[in-house]
Amino acid sequence: NATILQVFLGASDAALMLTVRDNGDGFDPA
């Protein structure tokens, strides 16, 4: 039920990084 979704994609010489962040309900991964 997210209303905001942020996506970031970037790279350094060593790695590509993708971040996806939302303001939704969340959950307990454990």
Full PDB file with SEQRES, HELIX, SHEET, SSBOND, CRYST1, ORIGX, SCALE, CONECT and MASTER records, all heavy atoms in Angstrom:
SEQRES   1 A   30  ASN ALA THR ILE LEU GLN VAL PHE LEU GLY ALA SER ASP          
SEQRES   2 A   30  ALA ALA LEU MET LEU THR VAL ARG ASP ASN GLY ASP GLY          
SEQRES   3 A   30  PHE ASP PRO ALA                                              
SHEET    1 AA1 2 LEU A   5  ALA A  11  0                                        
SHEET    2 AA1 2 LEU A  16  ASP A  22 -1                                        
CRYST1    1.000    1.000    1.000  90.00  90.00  90.00 P 1           1          
ORIGX1      1.000000  0.000000  0.000000        0.00000                         
ORIGX2      0.000000  1.000000  0.000000        0.00000                         
ORIGX3      0.000000  0.000000  1.000000        0.00000                         
SCALE1      1.000000  0.000000  0.000000        0.00000                         
SCALE2      0.000000  1.000000  0.000000        0.00000                         
SCALE3      0.000000  0.000000  1.000000        0.00000                         
ATOM      1  N   ASN A   1       0.819  -1.215   0.000  1.00  0.00           N  
ATOM      2  CA  ASN A   1       0.000   0.000   0.000  1.00  0.00           C  
ATOM      3  C   ASN A   1       0.856   1.269   0.000  1.00  0.00           C  
ATOM      4  O   ASN A   1       0.498   2.263   0.623  1.00  0.00           O  
ATOM      5  CB  ASN A   1      -0.959   0.013   1.190  1.00  0.00           C  
ATOM      6  CG  ASN A   1      -1.890  -1.177   1.180  1.00  0.00           C  
ATOM      7  OD1 ASN A   1      -2.507  -1.474   0.170  1.00  0.00           O  
ATOM      8  ND2 ASN A   1      -1.970  -1.884   2.302  1.00  0.00           N  
ATOM      9  N   ALA A   2       1.978   1.219  -0.679  1.00  0.00           N  
ATOM     10  CA  ALA A   2       2.897   2.362  -0.716  1.00  0.00           C  
ATOM     11  C   ALA A   2       2.291   3.505  -1.530  1.00  0.00           C  
ATOM     12  O   ALA A   2       1.625   3.287  -2.543  1.00  0.00           O  
ATOM     13  CB  ALA A   2       4.231   1.947  -1.315  1.00  0.00           C  
ATOM     14  N   THR A   3       2.548   4.725  -1.087  1.00  0.00           N  
ATOM     15  CA  THR A   3       2.140   5.913  -1.835  1.00  0.00           C  
ATOM     16  C   THR A   3       3.354   6.652  -2.395  1.00  0.00           C  
ATOM     17  O   THR A   3       3.212   7.507  -3.262  1.00  0.00           O  
ATOM     18  CB  THR A   3       1.328   6.876  -0.952  1.00  0.00           C  
ATOM     19  OG1 THR A   3       2.120   7.260   0.178  1.00  0.00           O  
ATOM     20  CG2 THR A   3       0.035   6.231  -0.482  1.00  0.00           C  
ATOM     21  N   ILE A   4       4.534   6.316  -1.903  1.00  0.00           N  
ATOM     22  CA  ILE A   4       5.776   6.905  -2.405  1.00  0.00           C  
ATOM     23  C   ILE A   4       6.755   5.773  -2.664  1.00  0.00           C  
ATOM     24  O   ILE A   4       6.954   4.888  -1.820  1.00  0.00           O  
ATOM     25  CB  ILE A   4       6.394   7.893  -1.398  1.00  0.00           C  
ATOM     26  CG1 ILE A   4       5.446   9.067  -1.155  1.00  0.00           C  
ATOM     27  CG2 ILE A   4       7.753   8.395  -1.897  1.00  0.00           C  
ATOM     28  CD1 ILE A   4       5.893  10.001  -0.048  1.00  0.00           C  
ATOM     29  N   LEU A   5       7.361   5.802  -3.838  1.00  0.00           N  
ATOM     30  CA  LEU A   5       8.364   4.815  -4.222  1.00  0.00           C  
ATOM     31  C   LEU A   5       9.561   5.579  -4.753  1.00  0.00           C  
ATOM     32  O   LEU A   5       9.424   6.401  -5.663  1.00  0.00           O  
ATOM     33  CB  LEU A   5       7.790   3.894  -5.298  1.00  0.00           C  
ATOM     34  CG  LEU A   5       8.654   2.752  -5.776  1.00  0.00           C  
ATOM     35  CD1 LEU A   5       8.841   1.732  -4.657  1.00  0.00           C  
ATOM     36  CD2 LEU A   5       8.028   2.085  -6.984  1.00  0.00           C  
ATOM     37  N   GLN A   6      10.728   5.348  -4.163  1.00  0.00           N  
ATOM     38  CA  GLN A   6      11.957   6.002  -4.606  1.00  0.00           C  
ATOM     39  C   GLN A   6      12.889   4.940  -5.164  1.00  0.00           C  
ATOM     40  O   GLN A   6      13.079   3.890  -4.538  1.00  0.00           O  
ATOM     41  CB  GLN A   6      12.650   6.715  -3.454  1.00  0.00           C  
ATOM     42  CG  GLN A   6      11.833   7.839  -2.866  1.00  0.00           C  
ATOM     43  CD  GLN A   6      12.503   8.434  -1.643  1.00  0.00           C  
ATOM     44  OE1 GLN A   6      12.893   7.712  -0.739  1.00  0.00           O  
ATOM     45  NE2 GLN A   6      12.620   9.750  -1.631  1.00  0.00           N  
ATOM     46  N   VAL A   7      13.466   5.229  -6.330  1.00  0.00           N  
ATOM     47  CA  VAL A   7      14.385   4.296  -6.982  1.00  0.00           C  
ATOM     48  C   VAL A   7      15.675   5.046  -7.280  1.00  0.00           C  
ATOM     49  O   VAL A   7      15.646   6.143  -7.843  1.00  0.00           O  
ATOM     50  CB  VAL A   7      13.787   3.737  -8.287  1.00  0.00           C  
ATOM     51  CG1 VAL A   7      14.767   2.810  -8.974  1.00  0.00           C  
ATOM     52  CG2 VAL A   7      12.464   3.021  -8.011  1.00  0.00           C  
ATOM     53  N   PHE A   8      16.783   4.447  -6.892  1.00  0.00           N  
ATOM     54  CA  PHE A   8      18.102   5.014  -7.146  1.00  0.00           C  
ATOM     55  C   PHE A   8      18.951   3.957  -7.841  1.00  0.00           C  
ATOM     56  O   PHE A   8      18.952   2.792  -7.430  1.00  0.00           O  
ATOM     57  CB  PHE A   8      18.796   5.419  -5.843  1.00  0.00           C  
ATOM     58  CG  PHE A   8      17.990   6.377  -5.011  1.00  0.00           C  
ATOM     59  CD1 PHE A   8      17.171   5.913  -3.995  1.00  0.00           C  
ATOM     60  CD2 PHE A   8      18.042   7.746  -5.253  1.00  0.00           C  
ATOM     61  CE1 PHE A   8      16.416   6.782  -3.224  1.00  0.00           C  
ATOM     62  CE2 PHE A   8      17.285   8.621  -4.489  1.00  0.00           C  
ATOM     63  CZ  PHE A   8      16.473   8.142  -3.475  1.00  0.00           C  
ATOM     64  N   LEU A   9      19.653   4.361  -8.881  1.00  0.00           N  
ATOM     65  CA  LEU A   9      20.564   3.465  -9.586  1.00  0.00           C  
ATOM     66  C   LEU A   9      21.865   4.213  -9.776  1.00  0.00           C  
ATOM     67  O   LEU A   9      21.873   5.348 -10.285  1.00  0.00           O  
ATOM     68  CB  LEU A   9      19.978   3.057 -10.941  1.00  0.00           C  
ATOM     69  CG  LEU A   9      20.823   2.120 -11.785  1.00  0.00           C  
ATOM     70  CD1 LEU A   9      20.955   0.754 -11.102  1.00  0.00           C  
ATOM     71  CD2 LEU A   9      20.217   1.959 -13.166  1.00  0.00           C  
ATOM     72  N   GLY A  10      22.950   3.630  -9.348  1.00  0.00           N  
ATOM     73  CA  GLY A  10      24.241   4.275  -9.477  1.00  0.00           C  
ATOM     74  C   GLY A  10      25.343   3.252  -9.575  1.00  0.00           C  
ATOM     75  O   GLY A  10      25.119   2.049  -9.391  1.00  0.00           O  
ATOM     76  N   ALA A  11      26.532   3.712  -9.867  1.00  0.00           N  
ATOM     77  CA  ALA A  11      27.666   2.802 -10.012  1.00  0.00           C  
ATOM     78  C   ALA A  11      28.949   3.482  -9.582  1.00  0.00           C  
ATOM     79  O   ALA A  11      29.092   4.697  -9.674  1.00  0.00           O  
ATOM     80  CB  ALA A  11      27.791   2.344 -11.461  1.00  0.00           C  
ATOM     81  N   SER A  12      29.852   2.654  -9.097  1.00  0.00           N  
ATOM     82  CA  SER A  12      31.226   3.071  -8.842  1.00  0.00           C  
ATOM     83  C   SER A  12      32.078   2.182  -9.729  1.00  0.00           C  
ATOM     84  O   SER A  12      31.555   1.375 -10.502  1.00  0.00           O  
ATOM     85  CB  SER A  12      31.584   2.871  -7.371  1.00  0.00           C  
ATOM     86  OG  SER A  12      31.619   1.490  -7.057  1.00  0.00           O  
ATOM     87  N   ASP A  13      33.383   2.280  -9.599  1.00  0.00           N  
ATOM     88  CA  ASP A  13      34.245   1.385 -10.374  1.00  0.00           C  
ATOM     89  C   ASP A  13      34.039  -0.069  -9.966  1.00  0.00           C  
ATOM     90  O   ASP A  13      34.236  -0.969 -10.756  1.00  0.00           O  
ATOM     91  CB  ASP A  13      35.721   1.750 -10.175  1.00  0.00           C  
ATOM     92  CG  ASP A  13      36.091   3.049 -10.872  1.00  0.00           C  
ATOM     93  OD1 ASP A  13      35.362   3.458 -11.800  1.00  0.00           O  
ATOM     94  OD2 ASP A  13      37.098   3.661 -10.472  1.00  0.00           O  
ATOM     95  N   ALA A  14      33.621  -0.288  -8.726  1.00  0.00           N  
ATOM     96  CA  ALA A  14      33.557  -1.641  -8.189  1.00  0.00           C  
ATOM     97  C   ALA A  14      32.165  -2.273  -8.222  1.00  0.00           C  
ATOM     98  O   ALA A  14      32.045  -3.493  -8.231  1.00  0.00           O  
ATOM     99  CB  ALA A  14      34.065  -1.652  -6.748  1.00  0.00           C  
ATOM    100  N   ALA A  15      31.107  -1.462  -8.208  1.00  0.00           N  
ATOM    101  CA  ALA A  15      29.783  -2.057  -8.068  1.00  0.00           C  
ATOM    102  C   ALA A  15      28.677  -1.175  -8.645  1.00  0.00           C  
ATOM    103  O   ALA A  15      28.800   0.042  -8.693  1.00  0.00           O  
ATOM    104  CB  ALA A  15      29.480  -2.326  -6.595  1.00  0.00           C  
ATOM    105  N   LEU A  16      27.611  -1.841  -9.038  1.00  0.00           N  
ATOM    106  CA  LEU A  16      26.364  -1.199  -9.405  1.00  0.00           C  
ATOM    107  C   LEU A  16      25.454  -1.314  -8.199  1.00  0.00           C  
ATOM    108  O   LEU A  16      25.415  -2.368  -7.556  1.00  0.00           O  
ATOM    109  CB  LEU A  16      25.733  -1.920 -10.600  1.00  0.00           C  
ATOM    110  CG  LEU A  16      24.345  -1.446 -10.996  1.00  0.00           C  
ATOM    111  CD1 LEU A  16      24.481  -0.373 -12.070  1.00  0.00           C  
ATOM    112  CD2 LEU A  16      23.510  -2.592 -11.513  1.00  0.00           C  
ATOM    113  N   MET A  17      24.723  -0.248  -7.866  1.00  0.00           N  
ATOM    114  CA  MET A  17      23.832  -0.302  -6.710  1.00  0.00           C  
ATOM    115  C   MET A  17      22.446   0.162  -7.124  1.00  0.00           C  
ATOM    116  O   MET A  17      22.287   1.222  -7.715  1.00  0.00           O  
ATOM    117  CB  MET A  17      24.350   0.554  -5.576  1.00  0.00           C  
ATOM    118  CG  MET A  17      23.502   0.431  -4.315  1.00  0.00           C  
ATOM    119  SD  MET A  17      24.201   1.318  -2.916  1.00  0.00           S  
ATOM    120  CE  MET A  17      25.580   0.249  -2.531  1.00  0.00           C  
ATOM    121  N   LEU A  18      21.462  -0.674  -6.806  1.00  0.00           N  
ATOM    122  CA  LEU A  18      20.057  -0.357  -7.023  1.00  0.00           C  
ATOM    123  C   LEU A  18      19.389  -0.293  -5.659  1.00  0.00           C  
ATOM    124  O   LEU A  18      19.499  -1.225  -4.867  1.00  0.00           O  
ATOM    125  CB  LEU A  18      19.381  -1.444  -7.870  1.00  0.00           C  
ATOM    126  CG  LEU A  18      17.853  -1.368  -7.972  1.00  0.00           C  
ATOM    127  CD1 LEU A  18      17.426  -0.156  -8.793  1.00  0.00           C  
ATOM    128  CD2 LEU A  18      17.294  -2.658  -8.570  1.00  0.00           C  
ATOM    129  N   THR A  19      18.713   0.821  -5.387  1.00  0.00           N  
ATOM    130  CA  THR A  19      17.969   0.976  -4.134  1.00  0.00           C  
ATOM    131  C   THR A  19      16.513   1.246  -4.484  1.00  0.00           C  
ATOM    132  O   THR A  19      16.230   2.104  -5.317  1.00  0.00           O  
ATOM    133  CB  THR A  19      18.523   2.140  -3.297  1.00  0.00           C  
ATOM    134  OG1 THR A  19      19.901   1.907  -3.022  1.00  0.00           O  
ATOM    135  CG2 THR A  19      17.761   2.292  -1.991  1.00  0.00           C  
ATOM    136  N   VAL A  20      15.615   0.494  -3.856  1.00  0.00           N  
ATOM    137  CA  VAL A  20      14.176   0.714  -4.010  1.00  0.00           C  
ATOM    138  C   VAL A  20      13.623   0.904  -2.605  1.00  0.00           C  
ATOM    139  O   VAL A  20      13.754   0.026  -1.755  1.00  0.00           O  
ATOM    140  CB  VAL A  20      13.486  -0.473  -4.721  1.00  0.00           C  
ATOM    141  CG1 VAL A  20      11.992  -0.205  -4.850  1.00  0.00           C  
ATOM    142  CG2 VAL A  20      14.111  -0.742  -6.084  1.00  0.00           C  
ATOM    143  N   ARG A  21      13.030   2.067  -2.373  1.00  0.00           N  
ATOM    144  CA  ARG A  21      12.531   2.431  -1.036  1.00  0.00           C  
ATOM    145  C   ARG A  21      11.069   2.815  -1.153  1.00  0.00           C  
ATOM    146  O   ARG A  21      10.682   3.530  -2.080  1.00  0.00           O  
ATOM    147  CB  ARG A  21      13.355   3.598  -0.523  1.00  0.00           C  
ATOM    148  CG  ARG A  21      13.030   4.054   0.866  1.00  0.00           C  
ATOM    149  CD  ARG A  21      13.962   5.184   1.310  1.00  0.00           C  
ATOM    150  NE  ARG A  21      15.352   4.746   1.238  1.00  0.00           N  
ATOM    151  CZ  ARG A  21      16.367   5.516   0.839  1.00  0.00           C  
ATOM    152  NH1 ARG A  21      16.166   6.755   0.473  1.00  0.00           N  
ATOM    153  NH2 ARG A  21      17.587   5.047   0.821  1.00  0.00           N  
ATOM    154  N   ASP A  22      10.253   2.335  -0.205  1.00  0.00           N  
ATOM    155  CA  ASP A  22       8.844   2.723  -0.219  1.00  0.00           C  
ATOM    156  C   ASP A  22       8.391   3.122   1.183  1.00  0.00           C  
ATOM    157  O   ASP A  22       9.061   2.836   2.166  1.00  0.00           O  
ATOM    158  CB  ASP A  22       7.960   1.605  -0.788  1.00  0.00           C  
ATOM    159  CG  ASP A  22       7.830   0.397   0.118  1.00  0.00           C  
ATOM    160  OD1 ASP A  22       7.356   0.531   1.269  1.00  0.00           O  
ATOM    161  OD2 ASP A  22       8.187  -0.721  -0.326  1.00  0.00           O  
ATOM    162  N   ASN A  23       7.250   3.779   1.235  1.00  0.00           N  
ATOM    163  CA  ASN A  23       6.683   4.205   2.515  1.00  0.00           C  
ATOM    164  C   ASN A  23       5.474   3.335   2.894  1.00  0.00           C  
ATOM    165  O   ASN A  23       4.600   3.768   3.623  1.00  0.00           O  
ATOM    166  CB  ASN A  23       6.252   5.675   2.451  1.00  0.00           C  
ATOM    167  CG  ASN A  23       5.049   5.893   1.551  1.00  0.00           C  
ATOM    168  OD1 ASN A  23       4.760   5.087   0.668  1.00  0.00           O  
ATOM    169  ND2 ASN A  23       4.355   6.993   1.749  1.00  0.00           N  
ATOM    170  N   GLY A  24       5.469   2.111   2.411  1.00  0.00           N  
ATOM    171  CA  GLY A  24       4.327   1.226   2.618  1.00  0.00           C  
ATOM    172  C   GLY A  24       4.230   0.644   4.017  1.00  0.00           C  
ATOM    173  O   GLY A  24       4.882   1.099   4.960  1.00  0.00           O  
ATOM    174  N   ASP A  25       3.403  -0.386   4.127  1.00  0.00           N  
ATOM    175  CA  ASP A  25       3.095  -1.012   5.408  1.00  0.00           C  
ATOM    176  C   ASP A  25       4.313  -1.625   6.095  1.00  0.00           C  
ATOM    177  O   ASP A  25       4.360  -1.711   7.309  1.00  0.00           O  
ATOM    178  CB  ASP A  25       2.042  -2.110   5.223  1.00  0.00           C  
ATOM    179  CG  ASP A  25       0.730  -1.559   4.711  1.00  0.00           C  
ATOM    180  OD1 ASP A  25       0.463  -0.349   4.898  1.00  0.00           O  
ATOM    181  OD2 ASP A  25      -0.042  -2.338   4.116  1.00  0.00           O  
ATOM    182  N   GLY A  26       5.286  -2.072   5.316  1.00  0.00           N  
ATOM    183  CA  GLY A  26       6.449  -2.737   5.885  1.00  0.00           C  
ATOM    184  C   GLY A  26       6.093  -4.097   6.446  1.00  0.00           C  
ATOM    185  O   GLY A  26       4.931  -4.510   6.446  1.00  0.00           O  
ATOM    186  N   PHE A  27       7.105  -4.803   6.910  1.00  0.00           N  
ATOM    187  CA  PHE A  27       6.921  -6.125   7.489  1.00  0.00           C  
ATOM    188  C   PHE A  27       8.146  -6.451   8.324  1.00  0.00           C  
ATOM    189  O   PHE A  27       9.160  -5.754   8.248  1.00  0.00           O  
ATOM    190  CB  PHE A  27       6.702  -7.184   6.398  1.00  0.00           C  
ATOM    191  CG  PHE A  27       7.884  -7.337   5.460  1.00  0.00           C  
ATOM    192  CD1 PHE A  27       8.835  -8.325   5.670  1.00  0.00           C  
ATOM    193  CD2 PHE A  27       8.047  -6.482   4.379  1.00  0.00           C  
ATOM    194  CE1 PHE A  27       9.919  -8.466   4.823  1.00  0.00           C  
ATOM    195  CE2 PHE A  27       9.137  -6.611   3.522  1.00  0.00           C  
ATOM    196  CZ  PHE A  27      10.067  -7.603   3.743  1.00  0.00           C  
ATOM    197  N   ASP A  28       8.058  -7.487   9.103  1.00  0.00           N  
ATOM    198  CA  ASP A  28       9.192  -7.945   9.903  1.00  0.00           C  
ATOM    199  C   ASP A  28       9.868  -9.069   9.126  1.00  0.00           C  
ATOM    200  O   ASP A  28       9.327 -10.168   9.039  1.00  0.00           O  
ATOM    201  CB  ASP A  28       8.719  -8.440  11.269  1.00  0.00           C  
ATOM    202  CG  ASP A  28       9.858  -8.894  12.144  1.00  0.00           C  
ATOM    203  OD1 ASP A  28      11.004  -9.010  11.661  1.00  0.00           O  
ATOM    204  OD2 ASP A  28       9.608  -9.157  13.336  1.00  0.00           O  
ATOM    205  N   PRO A  29      11.041  -8.817   8.527  1.00  0.00           N  
ATOM    206  CA  PRO A  29      11.704  -9.850   7.732  1.00  0.00           C  
ATOM    207  C   PRO A  29      11.972 -11.137   8.523  1.00  0.00           C  
ATOM    208  O   PRO A  29      11.954 -12.224   7.955  1.00  0.00           O  
ATOM    209  CB  PRO A  29      13.012  -9.194   7.292  1.00  0.00           C  
ATOM    210  CG  PRO A  29      12.751  -7.735   7.363  1.00  0.00           C  
ATOM    211  CD  PRO A  29      11.790  -7.560   8.513  1.00  0.00           C  
ATOM    212  N   ALA A  30      12.200 -11.030   9.828  1.00  0.00           N  
ATOM    213  CA  ALA A  30      12.467 -12.214  10.648  1.00  0.00           C  
ATOM    214  C   ALA A  30      11.222 -13.073  10.811  1.00  0.00           C  
ATOM    215  O   ALA A  30      11.318 -14.277  11.064  1.00  0.00           O  
ATOM    216  CB  ALA A  30      12.989 -11.804  12.019  1.00  0.00           C  
TER     217      ALA A  30                                                      
MASTER        0    0    0    0    2    0    0    6  216    1    0    3          
END                                                                             
